[in-house]
């Protein structure tokens, strides 16, 4: 296509029809680019958390809610001992962009296990269901993974869609045949390596991701497995047995 044309007098002018077609194509490309930018900006805004206080008897549970609306499939995120609800900021927005709602809560682990977290977790589950959640999954790091596993194992099989156990401080099996399970940990992590023991004892469906190294942090899991959010979303989205 020639945008410029030379006349008999040697003067160069614009080829008007060719120029119009080229401009139209550029116009369409610009519109598509602008639409993509707008959608990405909207998704980022949508993924910004809102702080809420969830009623738990006479007390409240401090939470960050990522995503709006009913959250048909809601993921409740549980940090490890001595950590805060902000732990999941690197993960939650990516899950929101993939269609999930994430509620990350503060809870306190006791010296003998996750017992003190049972009440706050139960209150958050009620909160999510009252908001319209049809499916609920639990995601926990370290002692939060232990809380997720122990709480889910005490409920009827199928109450939870998926358990996402990140360097979970837990060596007990999870006897839930209707609940998908994802274990992610570093092989030499002196706490998280118990996840392998738990995974071996747990019923199908389950998926195990054992990473090289001995770090015990969420940031290390993300660094050593850059597609971790995609992996989590893939397991959450499976409709079959999880295999």
Protein backbone atom coordinates (compact mmCIF):
# COMPACT_ATOMS: atom_id res chain seq x y z
CA UNK A 1 0.00 0.00 0.00
CA UNK A 2 1.37 3.45 -0.99
CA UNK A 3 0.48 6.37 1.24
CA UNK A 4 2.38 8.86 -0.92
CA UNK A 5 2.00 9.35 -4.65
CA UNK A 6 4.02 11.44 -7.10
CA UNK A 7 2.22 13.42 -9.78
CA UNK A 8 3.39 14.33 -13.30
CA UNK A 9 4.66 17.62 -12.00
CA UNK A 10 6.96 15.79 -9.62
CA UNK A 11 5.07 16.89 -6.52
CA UNK A 12 4.39 14.29 -3.83
CA UNK A 13 0.91 14.16 -2.28
CA UNK A 14 -0.97 11.87 0.09
CA UNK A 15 -2.92 8.97 -1.38
CA UNK A 16 -6.18 9.83 0.35
CA UNK A 17 -7.92 6.44 0.12
CA UNK A 18 -4.87 4.52 1.26
CA UNK A 19 -4.34 6.99 4.07
CA UNK A 20 -7.93 6.63 5.24
CA UNK A 21 -7.62 2.85 5.30
CA UNK A 22 -4.35 3.03 7.23
CA UNK A 23 -5.79 5.50 9.72
CA UNK A 24 -8.85 3.32 10.19
CA UNK A 25 -6.63 0.34 11.00
CA UNK A 26 -4.59 2.42 13.42
CA UNK A 27 -7.82 3.71 14.91
CA UNK A 28 -9.11 0.18 15.53
CA UNK A 29 -5.80 -0.92 17.04
CA UNK A 30 -5.77 2.13 19.31
CA UNK A 31 -9.31 1.41 20.44
CA UNK A 32 -8.44 -2.21 21.24
CA UNK A 33 -5.35 -1.10 23.14
CA UNK A 34 -7.34 1.48 25.08
CA UNK A 35 -10.01 -1.10 25.91
CA UNK A 36 -7.35 -3.49 27.21
CA UNK A 37 -5.83 -0.78 29.37
CA UNK A 38 -9.24 0.14 30.77
CA UNK A 39 -10.04 -3.51 31.55
CA UNK A 40 -6.69 -4.02 33.28
CA UNK A 41 -7.16 -0.85 35.30
CA UNK A 42 -10.66 -1.94 36.28
CA UNK A 43 -9.37 -5.37 37.31
CA UNK A 44 -6.63 -3.80 39.44
CA UNK A 45 -9.17 -1.52 41.12
CA UNK A 46 -11.49 -4.47 41.66
CA UNK A 47 -8.65 -6.41 43.29
CA UNK A 48 -7.90 -3.70 45.85
CA UNK A 49 -8.86 -5.03 49.32
CA UNK A 50 -11.50 -3.62 51.62
CA UNK A 51 -10.97 -3.90 55.38
CA UNK A 52 -13.90 -5.39 57.27
CA UNK A 53 -14.65 -6.56 60.80
CA UNK A 54 -16.47 -9.89 60.91
CA UNK A 55 -18.64 -10.55 63.93
CA UNK A 56 -17.47 -13.50 66.02
CA UNK A 57 -19.65 -13.70 69.11
CA UNK A 58 -18.64 -10.87 71.41
CA UNK A 59 -15.51 -10.12 69.38
CA UNK A 60 -14.66 -9.45 65.74
CA UNK A 61 -12.31 -10.88 63.14
CA UNK A 62 -10.19 -8.37 61.23
CA UNK A 63 -10.20 -9.22 57.52
CA UNK A 64 -9.15 -8.00 54.09
CA UNK A 65 -11.71 -8.74 51.37
CA UNK A 66 -10.30 -8.90 47.84
CA UNK A 67 -13.00 -8.78 45.15
CA UNK A 68 -16.57 -7.55 45.13
CA UNK A 69 -19.99 -9.10 44.85
CA UNK A 70 -21.19 -12.40 46.24
CA UNK A 71 -17.96 -14.27 45.51
CA UNK A 72 -19.58 -17.43 44.16
CA UNK A 73 -16.28 -19.19 44.84
CA UNK A 74 -14.61 -17.62 47.87
CA UNK A 75 -11.14 -18.49 49.13
CA UNK A 76 -10.48 -17.89 52.84
CA UNK A 77 -6.78 -17.22 53.44
CA UNK A 78 -5.04 -18.03 56.73
CA UNK A 79 -1.58 -16.68 57.56
CA UNK A 80 1.02 -18.45 59.69
CA UNK A 81 1.86 -17.93 63.37
CA UNK A 82 2.98 -14.40 64.19
CA UNK A 83 1.88 -13.06 60.81
CA UNK A 84 -0.98 -10.83 59.64
CA UNK A 85 -3.75 -10.86 57.06
CA UNK A 86 -1.57 -8.76 54.71
CA UNK A 87 0.52 -11.87 53.98
CA UNK A 88 -1.64 -12.78 50.99
CA UNK A 89 -1.47 -9.41 49.21
CA UNK A 90 0.92 -10.87 46.57
CA UNK A 91 -1.49 -13.71 45.76
CA UNK A 92 -5.05 -12.49 46.28
CA UNK A 93 -5.30 -9.93 43.41
CA UNK A 94 -4.21 -12.57 40.90
CA UNK A 95 -6.97 -14.90 42.08
CA UNK A 96 -9.53 -12.07 41.93
CA UNK A 97 -8.59 -11.44 38.28
CA UNK A 98 -9.32 -15.10 37.64
CA UNK A 99 -12.82 -14.82 39.10
CA UNK A 100 -12.34 -15.68 42.78
CA UNK A 101 -13.03 -13.68 45.90
CA UNK A 102 -10.42 -13.84 48.68
CA UNK A 103 -10.96 -13.12 52.37
CA UNK A 104 -7.72 -12.97 54.35
CA UNK A 105 -8.18 -12.89 58.13
CA UNK A 106 -6.17 -12.25 61.27
CA UNK A 107 -6.09 -15.09 63.77
CA UNK A 108 -3.82 -16.13 66.65
CA UNK A 109 -2.21 -19.55 66.88
CA UNK A 110 -1.96 -21.12 70.32
CA UNK A 111 1.14 -22.86 71.74
CA UNK A 112 -0.43 -26.28 71.20
CA UNK A 113 -1.86 -25.80 67.75
CA UNK A 114 -4.43 -23.87 65.73
CA UNK A 115 -7.26 -24.22 68.25
CA UNK A 116 -7.72 -20.45 68.81
CA UNK A 117 -8.26 -19.99 65.09
CA UNK A 118 -11.28 -22.30 64.87
CA UNK A 119 -13.76 -19.65 66.01
CA UNK A 120 -12.51 -16.86 63.71
CA UNK A 121 -12.46 -19.27 60.75
CA UNK A 122 -16.00 -20.50 61.45
CA UNK A 123 -17.21 -16.88 61.68
CA UNK A 124 -15.55 -16.05 58.35
CA UNK A 125 -17.16 -19.05 56.67
CA UNK A 126 -20.58 -17.85 57.87
CA UNK A 127 -19.76 -14.36 56.62
CA UNK A 128 -18.81 -15.68 53.16
CA UNK A 129 -21.93 -17.82 52.88
CA UNK A 130 -24.17 -14.97 54.03
CA UNK A 131 -22.60 -12.85 51.26
CA UNK A 132 -23.61 -15.45 48.67
CA UNK A 133 -20.66 -17.83 48.34
CA UNK A 134 -21.68 -21.14 46.77
CA UNK A 135 -18.22 -22.70 47.03
CA UNK A 136 -15.64 -22.10 49.74
CA UNK A 137 -11.98 -23.09 49.64
CA UNK A 138 -9.34 -22.68 52.35
CA UNK A 139 -5.78 -21.49 51.72
CA UNK A 140 -3.24 -21.54 54.53
CA UNK A 141 0.45 -20.90 54.97
CA UNK A 142 2.43 -22.72 57.71
CA UNK A 143 0.23 -22.89 60.85
CA UNK A 144 -2.56 -21.45 58.72
CA UNK A 145 -2.31 -24.56 56.57
CA UNK A 146 -2.58 -26.66 59.71
CA UNK A 147 -5.69 -24.72 60.73
CA UNK A 148 -7.24 -25.20 57.28
CA UNK A 149 -6.49 -28.93 57.23
CA UNK A 150 -7.69 -29.65 60.78
CA UNK A 151 -10.85 -27.55 60.45
CA UNK A 152 -11.82 -29.08 57.09
CA UNK A 153 -11.12 -32.62 58.29
CA UNK A 154 -13.62 -32.14 61.12
CA UNK A 155 -16.41 -31.12 58.71
CA UNK A 156 -18.54 -33.29 56.41
CA UNK A 157 -16.66 -34.33 53.27
CA UNK A 158 -17.47 -31.89 50.48
CA UNK A 159 -18.07 -28.84 52.66
CA UNK A 160 -15.01 -27.27 51.04
CA UNK A 161 -14.09 -27.27 47.38
CA UNK A 162 -10.30 -27.08 47.72
CA UNK A 163 -7.59 -26.94 50.38
CA UNK A 164 -4.49 -25.00 49.34
CA UNK A 165 -1.73 -25.89 51.80
CA UNK A 166 1.41 -23.77 51.45
CA UNK A 167 4.36 -25.00 53.52
CA UNK A 168 1.75 -26.31 55.96
CA UNK A 169 2.86 -27.08 59.50
CA UNK A 170 0.88 -30.31 59.53
CA UNK A 171 1.72 -34.01 59.27
CA UNK A 172 -1.74 -35.53 59.54
CA UNK A 173 -3.67 -36.96 56.65
CA UNK A 174 -6.77 -35.32 55.21
CA UNK A 175 -9.44 -38.01 54.67
CA UNK A 176 -11.64 -35.97 52.31
CA UNK A 177 -12.38 -37.67 48.99
CA UNK A 178 -14.66 -34.86 47.75
CA UNK A 179 -12.20 -32.05 48.46
CA UNK A 180 -9.32 -31.17 46.14
CA UNK A 181 -5.95 -30.66 47.84
CA UNK A 182 -2.86 -28.78 46.71
CA UNK A 183 0.35 -29.17 48.73
CA UNK A 184 3.20 -26.75 47.93
CA UNK A 185 6.40 -26.70 50.00
CA UNK A 186 10.19 -26.73 49.96
CA UNK A 187 11.65 -30.21 50.40
CA UNK A 188 14.20 -29.19 53.07
CA UNK A 189 11.93 -26.80 54.97
CA UNK A 190 12.05 -28.16 58.55
CA UNK A 191 8.42 -27.14 59.07
CA UNK A 192 6.82 -27.23 55.64
CA UNK A 193 8.39 -30.57 54.71
CA UNK A 194 5.76 -32.16 56.95
CA UNK A 195 3.44 -31.37 54.06
CA UNK A 196 4.87 -34.39 52.24
CA UNK A 197 3.91 -36.61 55.17
CA UNK A 198 0.41 -35.13 55.19
CA UNK A 199 0.10 -35.50 51.42
CA UNK A 200 1.17 -39.15 51.57
CA UNK A 201 -1.51 -39.86 54.20
CA UNK A 202 -4.25 -37.86 52.48
CA UNK A 203 -6.88 -39.27 50.16
CA UNK A 204 -7.21 -38.36 46.49
CA UNK A 205 -7.78 -35.95 44.81
CA UNK A 206 -4.47 -34.29 45.64
CA UNK A 207 -1.59 -32.58 43.92
CA UNK A 208 1.91 -32.19 45.37
CA UNK A 209 4.48 -29.57 44.37
CA UNK A 210 7.81 -30.15 46.15
CA UNK A 211 10.36 -27.40 45.49
CA UNK A 212 14.12 -27.60 45.99
CA UNK A 213 15.47 -25.69 48.97
CA UNK A 214 14.68 -25.14 52.62
CA UNK A 215 13.02 -21.72 52.83
CA UNK A 216 9.89 -21.25 54.92
CA UNK A 217 8.20 -18.15 53.55
CA UNK A 218 5.44 -17.32 51.10
CA UNK A 219 7.77 -15.01 49.17
CA UNK A 220 10.18 -17.92 48.64
CA UNK A 221 7.40 -20.12 47.30
CA UNK A 222 6.48 -17.38 44.83
CA UNK A 223 10.12 -16.83 43.85
CA UNK A 224 10.84 -20.52 43.30
CA UNK A 225 7.53 -21.20 41.58
CA UNK A 226 6.64 -18.07 39.56
CA UNK A 227 3.45 -19.68 38.24
CA UNK A 228 2.16 -20.48 41.74
CA UNK A 229 -0.95 -18.29 41.34
CA UNK A 230 -1.76 -20.00 38.03
CA UNK A 231 -1.30 -23.39 39.71
CA UNK A 232 -3.66 -22.43 42.54
CA UNK A 233 -6.27 -21.08 40.11
CA UNK A 234 -5.99 -24.22 37.98
CA UNK A 235 -6.73 -26.51 40.94
CA UNK A 236 -9.55 -24.25 42.14
CA UNK A 237 -11.13 -24.33 38.69
CA UNK A 238 -11.16 -28.09 38.21
CA UNK A 239 -14.59 -29.61 38.12
CA UNK A 240 -13.49 -33.25 38.11
CA UNK A 241 -11.79 -35.34 40.76
CA UNK A 242 -8.78 -33.00 40.72
CA UNK A 243 -6.44 -35.51 39.07
